Amino acid sequence: MLEALLAKHPTGTVYVAWDNASTHEDDEVEAVVRAAAGRLVLLYLPTYSPWLNPIEMLWRHFRREVTRTLRERQGLARRRRRLLRAPQPGAAQDPVDHRPKAANLA
């Protein structure tokens, strides 16, 4: 990817903002940077800096949406269970009282 970036911008210095992903600590990356002979400058972001990394903003939005949707689904499931347990209005009730009767000994 860095090679393609350098090919697209054949003159001048190319600056790349770089996060601390382990894939960026590769021998191949190091070789490309050396071969660029100073034309490629990697600007490393601080360890935790989501405000500087636009993809982090997208992930934050995605996590919020997924969490909200999950909570709504769980709430719907709870309401559905409550509704199924509740007696239904207008439903036929059992007309026979099955409770044991007290004995009349008088």
Protein backbone atom coordinates (compact mmCIF):
# COMPACT_ATOMS: atom_id res chain seq x y z
CA MET A 1 0.00 0.00 0.00
CA LEU A 2 2.81 2.39 0.81
CA GLU A 3 4.47 1.58 -2.51
CA ALA A 4 1.23 2.40 -4.35
CA LEU A 5 0.99 5.68 -2.44
CA LEU A 6 4.54 6.61 -3.45
CA ALA A 7 3.85 5.65 -7.07
CA LYS A 8 0.74 7.83 -7.12
CA HIS A 9 2.75 10.80 -5.78
CA PRO A 10 6.10 10.47 -7.58
CA THR A 11 7.51 13.80 -6.36
CA GLY A 12 7.63 15.50 -3.00
CA THR A 13 7.26 14.16 0.48
CA VAL A 14 4.38 11.86 1.38
CA TYR A 15 3.13 12.03 4.97
CA VAL A 16 1.19 9.08 6.41
CA ALA A 17 -0.61 9.15 9.76
CA TRP A 18 0.02 5.73 11.27
CA ASP A 19 -1.68 4.08 14.23
CA ASN A 20 0.02 1.50 16.43
CA ALA A 21 -1.37 -1.61 14.74
CA SER A 22 0.99 -4.57 14.93
CA THR A 23 0.88 -4.93 11.12
CA HIS A 24 2.68 -1.59 10.84
CA GLU A 25 5.70 -3.01 12.67
CA ASP A 26 6.70 -5.24 9.79
CA ASP A 27 10.06 -5.74 8.03
CA GLU A 28 8.32 -5.09 4.71
CA VAL A 29 7.09 -1.69 5.90
CA GLU A 30 10.57 -0.83 7.13
CA ALA A 31 12.07 -1.79 3.76
CA VAL A 32 9.60 0.45 1.87
CA VAL A 33 10.34 3.39 4.18
CA ARG A 34 14.10 2.93 3.69
CA ALA A 35 13.73 2.58 -0.09
CA ALA A 36 11.71 5.81 -0.23
CA ALA A 37 14.87 7.64 0.90
CA GLY A 38 13.17 10.27 3.03
CA ARG A 39 10.21 10.87 0.70
CA LEU A 40 7.90 8.88 3.00
CA VAL A 41 7.33 10.23 6.49
CA LEU A 42 5.35 8.14 8.95
CA LEU A 43 3.60 10.13 11.66
CA TYR A 44 2.79 7.76 14.50
CA LEU A 45 -0.38 8.49 16.45
CA PRO A 46 -0.29 8.31 20.25
CA THR A 47 -1.13 4.92 21.75
CA TYR A 48 -4.78 5.72 22.44
CA SER A 49 -6.02 8.60 20.31
CA PRO A 50 -9.41 7.84 18.78
CA TRP A 51 -10.04 11.54 18.13
CA LEU A 52 -7.10 11.51 15.68
CA ASN A 53 -8.12 8.34 13.87
CA PRO A 54 -11.30 8.81 11.78
CA ILE A 55 -12.07 5.08 11.62
CA GLU A 56 -12.41 5.08 15.42
CA MET A 57 -15.29 7.54 15.11
CA LEU A 58 -17.02 5.15 12.73
CA TRP A 59 -16.43 2.19 15.10
CA ARG A 60 -17.80 4.20 18.04
CA HIS A 61 -20.99 4.99 16.09
CA PHE A 62 -21.29 1.34 15.02
CA ARG A 63 -20.88 0.06 18.60
CA ARG A 64 -23.54 2.49 19.86
CA GLU A 65 -26.01 1.44 17.18
CA VAL A 66 -25.42 -2.27 17.79
CA THR A 67 -25.72 -1.85 21.56
CA ARG A 68 -28.90 0.23 21.24
CA THR A 69 -30.44 -2.28 18.84
CA LEU A 70 -29.53 -5.19 21.12
CA ARG A 71 -31.07 -3.44 24.15
CA GLU A 72 -34.24 -2.73 22.18
CA ARG A 73 -34.49 -6.38 21.09
CA GLN A 74 -33.97 -7.59 24.65
CA GLY A 75 -36.65 -5.15 25.85
CA LEU A 76 -39.04 -6.40 23.19
CA ALA A 77 -38.39 -10.00 24.23
CA ARG A 78 -39.12 -9.13 27.89
CA ARG A 79 -42.35 -7.35 26.96
CA ARG A 80 -43.39 -10.27 24.75
CA ARG A 81 -42.81 -12.76 27.60
CA ARG A 82 -44.84 -10.58 30.01
CA LEU A 83 -47.64 -10.27 27.51
CA LEU A 84 -47.78 -14.02 26.96
CA ARG A 85 -47.96 -14.68 30.71
CA ALA A 86 -50.69 -12.08 31.35
CA PRO A 87 -54.34 -13.11 31.14
CA GLN A 88 -55.83 -12.00 27.86
CA PRO A 89 -58.81 -9.63 28.06
CA GLY A 90 -61.98 -11.22 26.74
CA ALA A 91 -60.48 -14.71 26.79
CA ALA A 92 -62.74 -17.47 28.07
CA GLN A 93 -62.07 -18.14 31.72
CA ASP A 94 -62.47 -21.58 33.26
CA PRO A 95 -66.01 -21.48 34.77
CA VAL A 96 -65.28 -24.28 37.23
CA ASP A 97 -63.64 -23.37 40.53
CA HIS A 98 -61.05 -26.10 41.17
CA ARG A 99 -60.00 -24.87 44.61
CA PRO A 100 -60.65 -27.33 47.45
CA LYS A 101 -63.82 -26.54 49.40
CA ALA A 102 -63.78 -26.23 53.17
CA ALA A 103 -65.68 -29.01 54.86
CA ASN A 104 -68.92 -27.92 56.52
CA LEU A 105 -68.89 -29.74 59.86
CA ALA A 106 -71.72 -27.84 61.56
